[in-house]
Amino acid sequence: MNINRNIIDSLQYPIKDWIKIILLGIILIIPIVNFIGLGYYLRIIKSTLAGLDELPDFERVGELFIDGIKLLIVCIIYAIVPLIFYALSFAFAGSATVPSSTTTSSVFSFSYLPTLTGISLVFFIIATIFAIIISIFAYMGIANMVYYGSEIGAALRYREILDRIASIGWGNYILWWIVLMLIITVAGFIIGIVGGILLFFVLGFLVFLLGYSYLVIFQTRSVALTFVSSREY
């Protein structure tokens, strides 16, 4: 797998149709309707696996909606273990008294915030490690799900997913994952800052809508191209 080619293609892919970027952004912010946006995530992967280089249409909305529900189910399954450990972390967390000034007097009021110490910190670290590992596997799992016609079980065929990653090369795959995470994190932070500043001029809404929609499409295309690079075993 050529990581540079993968990233460059994925960065250019969304801007081939700005109308669909805007439409996806609008769909993703509407409750319930946003399942269609999740389904579009799978459709982009499907389109890429078919060798197409254009953004797919939003046709067959019912299919997109169902696929969106399937994707949510898979994500929940993958997230169960980290969520359990995060819950345990906060369940065993202590509390710290934090002073906060009031607007009516110079007297300080006090609030209690959870603090991670001892066993709670251990649970938090375990949860974070699991979250990272699962994130690494989840991308290929979701792509494998699309490969088998949106079959939920295919996203959980760990042996098959491991074989596909091995065919790409663990070094290449991990490096790709790190690069992808860095781009998403940095770009997401910039979009958040710029959007927050421009929110006073209403333009911030457009920055959020276009920026995060672009990131979703970029990420999906990169995942699909990575899956395509895994040879049959």
Protein backbone atom coordinates (compact mmCIF):
# COMPACT_ATOMS: atom_id res chain seq x y z
CA MET A 1 0.00 0.00 0.00
CA ASN A 2 1.26 3.44 -0.97
CA ILE A 3 0.29 5.63 1.99
CA ASN A 4 1.09 8.93 0.24
CA ARG A 5 -1.08 8.02 -2.74
CA ASN A 6 -3.85 6.87 -0.41
CA ILE A 7 -3.90 10.12 1.58
CA ILE A 8 -3.58 12.43 -1.43
CA ASP A 9 -6.40 10.63 -3.27
CA SER A 10 -8.58 10.75 -0.15
CA LEU A 11 -7.95 14.47 0.38
CA GLN A 12 -8.93 15.23 -3.23
CA TYR A 13 -11.89 12.85 -3.35
CA PRO A 14 -14.46 14.95 -1.40
CA ILE A 15 -13.99 18.15 -3.42
CA LYS A 16 -15.14 16.43 -6.61
CA ASP A 17 -18.72 17.28 -5.60
CA TRP A 18 -19.28 20.12 -3.11
CA ILE A 19 -23.06 19.73 -3.34
CA LYS A 20 -22.82 16.26 -1.82
CA ILE A 21 -20.49 17.54 0.90
CA ILE A 22 -23.09 20.16 1.84
CA LEU A 23 -25.95 17.66 1.63
CA LEU A 24 -24.10 15.16 3.84
CA GLY A 25 -23.30 17.90 6.35
CA ILE A 26 -26.99 18.86 6.59
CA ILE A 27 -28.09 15.23 6.93
CA LEU A 28 -25.58 14.50 9.71
CA ILE A 29 -26.90 17.26 11.99
CA ILE A 30 -30.56 16.18 11.80
CA PRO A 31 -31.56 13.57 14.42
CA ILE A 32 -32.80 10.24 13.02
CA VAL A 33 -32.18 11.48 9.48
CA ASN A 34 -28.47 11.27 10.26
CA PHE A 35 -28.73 7.48 9.95
CA ILE A 36 -28.81 8.19 6.21
CA GLY A 37 -25.44 9.91 6.62
CA LEU A 38 -24.03 6.86 8.40
CA GLY A 39 -25.34 4.70 5.57
CA TYR A 40 -23.61 7.00 3.08
CA TYR A 41 -20.34 6.15 4.89
CA LEU A 42 -20.84 2.52 3.83
CA ARG A 43 -21.90 3.53 0.33
CA ILE A 44 -18.65 5.43 -0.21
CA ILE A 45 -16.72 2.31 0.76
CA LYS A 46 -18.89 0.20 -1.55
CA SER A 47 -18.34 2.62 -4.41
CA THR A 48 -14.58 2.60 -3.86
CA LEU A 49 -14.46 -1.21 -3.73
CA ALA A 50 -16.26 -1.18 -7.08
CA GLY A 51 -13.42 0.92 -8.52
CA LEU A 52 -15.40 4.17 -8.82
CA ASP A 53 -13.70 7.52 -8.20
CA GLU A 54 -16.78 9.74 -7.95
CA LEU A 55 -18.88 10.40 -4.88
CA PRO A 56 -21.95 8.11 -4.92
CA ASP A 57 -25.47 9.50 -5.09
CA PHE A 58 -27.94 9.67 -2.22
CA GLU A 59 -30.39 7.46 -4.06
CA ARG A 60 -32.25 4.54 -2.41
CA VAL A 61 -32.59 6.47 0.85
CA GLY A 62 -34.24 3.52 2.61
CA GLU A 63 -31.17 1.39 1.98
CA LEU A 64 -28.93 4.15 3.32
CA PHE A 65 -31.05 4.41 6.46
CA ILE A 66 -30.90 0.66 7.15
CA ASP A 67 -27.16 0.58 6.50
CA GLY A 68 -26.77 3.48 8.91
CA ILE A 69 -28.51 1.49 11.65
CA LYS A 70 -26.26 -1.49 10.90
CA LEU A 71 -23.16 0.69 11.16
CA LEU A 72 -24.34 2.08 14.50
CA ILE A 73 -24.89 -1.47 15.82
CA VAL A 74 -21.37 -2.49 14.79
CA CYS A 75 -19.87 0.62 16.39
CA ILE A 76 -21.73 -0.09 19.63
CA ILE A 77 -20.48 -3.68 19.66
CA TYR A 78 -16.90 -2.52 19.12
CA ALA A 79 -17.24 0.15 21.82
CA ILE A 80 -18.72 -2.06 24.57
CA VAL A 81 -15.44 -3.13 26.19
CA PRO A 82 -13.84 0.37 26.34
CA LEU A 83 -17.11 1.85 27.61
CA ILE A 84 -17.29 -0.71 30.42
CA PHE A 85 -13.78 0.17 31.59
CA TYR A 86 -14.44 3.92 31.26
CA ALA A 87 -17.58 3.46 33.38
CA LEU A 88 -15.59 1.54 35.99
CA SER A 89 -12.96 4.28 35.94
CA PHE A 90 -15.47 6.97 36.84
CA ALA A 91 -17.31 4.67 39.25
CA PHE A 92 -14.14 4.30 41.32
CA ALA A 93 -13.06 7.91 40.86
CA GLY A 94 -12.66 10.13 43.88
CA SER A 95 -13.75 13.74 44.04
CA ALA A 96 -11.85 16.98 44.35
CA THR A 97 -13.15 20.21 45.81
CA VAL A 98 -12.56 22.98 43.32
CA PRO A 99 -13.12 26.64 44.28
CA SER A 100 -15.04 28.79 41.84
CA SER A 101 -15.68 32.52 42.25
CA THR A 102 -19.21 33.88 42.24
CA THR A 103 -20.40 36.98 40.47
CA THR A 104 -22.27 38.32 43.50
CA SER A 105 -19.48 38.36 46.07
CA SER A 106 -15.83 37.75 46.63
CA VAL A 107 -16.66 34.58 48.54
CA PHE A 108 -15.66 31.35 46.80
CA SER A 109 -18.17 28.61 46.19
CA PHE A 110 -17.02 25.01 45.90
CA SER A 111 -17.87 22.29 43.39
CA TYR A 112 -16.88 18.67 43.28
CA LEU A 113 -15.18 17.15 40.23
CA PRO A 114 -14.21 13.50 39.69
CA THR A 115 -10.50 12.75 39.97
CA LEU A 116 -8.81 9.65 38.61
CA THR A 117 -6.62 8.05 41.22
CA GLY A 118 -5.50 4.51 42.03
CA ILE A 119 -7.71 1.82 40.55
CA SER A 120 -9.83 4.36 38.64
CA LEU A 121 -6.73 5.53 36.77
CA VAL A 122 -5.82 1.91 35.97
CA PHE A 123 -9.31 1.32 34.55
CA PHE A 124 -9.02 4.54 32.52
CA ILE A 125 -5.68 3.49 31.01
CA ILE A 126 -7.03 0.01 30.18
CA ALA A 127 -10.09 1.58 28.55
CA THR A 128 -7.91 3.90 26.45
CA ILE A 129 -5.67 1.03 25.32
CA PHE A 130 -8.70 -1.02 24.32
CA ALA A 131 -10.19 2.00 22.48
CA ILE A 132 -7.01 2.43 20.44
CA ILE A 133 -6.72 -1.27 19.60
CA ILE A 134 -10.39 -1.51 18.66
CA SER A 135 -10.12 1.62 16.50
CA ILE A 136 -7.30 -0.04 14.56
CA PHE A 137 -9.41 -3.14 13.89
CA ALA A 138 -12.77 -1.40 13.45
CA TYR A 139 -11.86 0.35 10.19
CA MET A 140 -11.10 -2.94 8.43
CA GLY A 141 -14.04 -4.59 10.14
CA ILE A 142 -16.49 -2.02 8.77
CA ALA A 143 -14.95 -2.25 5.29
CA ASN A 144 -15.19 -6.05 5.50
CA MET A 145 -18.86 -5.64 6.38
CA VAL A 146 -19.41 -3.65 3.16
CA TYR A 147 -17.42 -6.24 1.18
CA TYR A 148 -19.98 -8.87 2.25
CA GLY A 149 -23.03 -6.81 1.36
CA SER A 150 -23.49 -4.94 4.66
CA GLU A 151 -23.57 -8.18 6.66
CA ILE A 152 -23.09 -7.21 10.32
CA GLY A 153 -21.37 -10.50 11.18
CA ALA A 154 -18.63 -9.80 8.62
CA ALA A 155 -17.50 -6.80 10.69
CA LEU A 156 -16.73 -9.19 13.54
CA ARG A 157 -14.77 -11.86 11.66
CA TYR A 158 -11.57 -11.04 13.50
CA ARG A 159 -9.48 -13.81 11.93
CA GLU A 160 -10.37 -12.58 8.46
CA ILE A 161 -9.72 -8.96 9.44
CA LEU A 162 -6.33 -9.89 10.88
CA ASP A 163 -5.44 -11.72 7.66
CA ARG A 164 -6.35 -8.69 5.58
CA ILE A 165 -4.23 -6.39 7.74
CA ALA A 166 -1.36 -8.88 7.53
CA SER A 167 -1.65 -8.87 3.74
CA ILE A 168 -1.25 -5.08 3.78
CA GLY A 169 1.64 -5.34 6.21
CA TRP A 170 1.30 -4.45 9.89
CA GLY A 171 3.96 -1.75 9.63
CA ASN A 172 2.24 -0.06 6.68
CA TYR A 173 -1.18 -0.42 8.25
CA ILE A 174 -0.21 1.04 11.64
CA LEU A 175 1.63 3.90 9.94
CA TRP A 176 -1.43 4.63 7.79
CA TRP A 177 -3.65 4.58 10.89
CA ILE A 178 -1.36 7.03 12.71
CA VAL A 179 -1.26 9.41 9.74
CA LEU A 180 -5.06 9.22 9.38
CA MET A 181 -5.58 9.93 13.10
CA LEU A 182 -3.18 12.88 13.01
CA ILE A 183 -4.91 14.46 10.01
CA ILE A 184 -8.38 13.98 11.49
CA THR A 185 -7.32 15.28 14.92
CA VAL A 186 -5.44 18.35 13.66
CA ALA A 187 -8.04 19.20 11.00
CA GLY A 188 -10.88 18.68 13.47
CA PHE A 189 -9.18 20.98 15.99
CA ILE A 190 -8.65 23.70 13.37
CA ILE A 191 -12.24 23.43 12.15
CA GLY A 192 -13.45 23.69 15.74
CA ILE A 193 -11.36 26.80 16.48
CA VAL A 194 -12.13 28.60 13.20
CA GLY A 195 -15.80 27.63 13.33
CA GLY A 196 -16.06 28.80 16.93
CA ILE A 197 -14.52 32.18 16.11
CA LEU A 198 -16.69 32.72 13.03
CA LEU A 199 -19.81 31.50 14.80
CA PHE A 200 -20.46 35.09 15.85
CA PHE A 201 -20.71 35.96 12.15
CA VAL A 202 -22.89 32.91 11.33
CA LEU A 203 -20.11 31.72 9.00
CA GLY A 204 -18.99 29.36 11.75
CA PHE A 205 -21.99 27.13 11.05
CA LEU A 206 -20.86 26.69 7.44
CA VAL A 207 -17.31 25.95 8.58
CA PHE A 208 -18.59 23.20 10.89
CA LEU A 209 -20.99 21.80 8.31
CA LEU A 210 -18.53 21.70 5.40
CA GLY A 211 -15.43 20.93 7.45
CA TYR A 212 -16.69 17.91 9.35
CA SER A 213 -18.60 16.56 6.35
CA TYR A 214 -15.36 16.79 4.34
CA LEU A 215 -13.48 14.92 7.08
CA VAL A 216 -16.06 12.11 7.14
CA ILE A 217 -15.77 11.59 3.38
CA PHE A 218 -11.96 11.84 3.47
CA GLN A 219 -11.74 9.27 6.26
CA THR A 220 -14.14 6.88 4.55
CA ARG A 221 -12.32 7.03 1.22
CA SER A 222 -8.97 6.39 2.91
CA VAL A 223 -10.37 3.38 4.79
CA ALA A 224 -11.83 1.96 1.58
CA LEU A 225 -8.57 2.40 -0.36
CA THR A 226 -6.68 0.69 2.45
CA PHE A 227 -9.07 -2.25 2.35
CA VAL A 228 -8.71 -2.47 -1.42
CA SER A 229 -4.95 -2.79 -1.01
CA SER A 230 -5.38 -5.99 0.97
CA ARG A 231 -4.92 -8.86 -1.42
CA GLU A 232 -7.00 -12.05 -1.33
CA TYR A 233 -5.52 -14.66 0.97
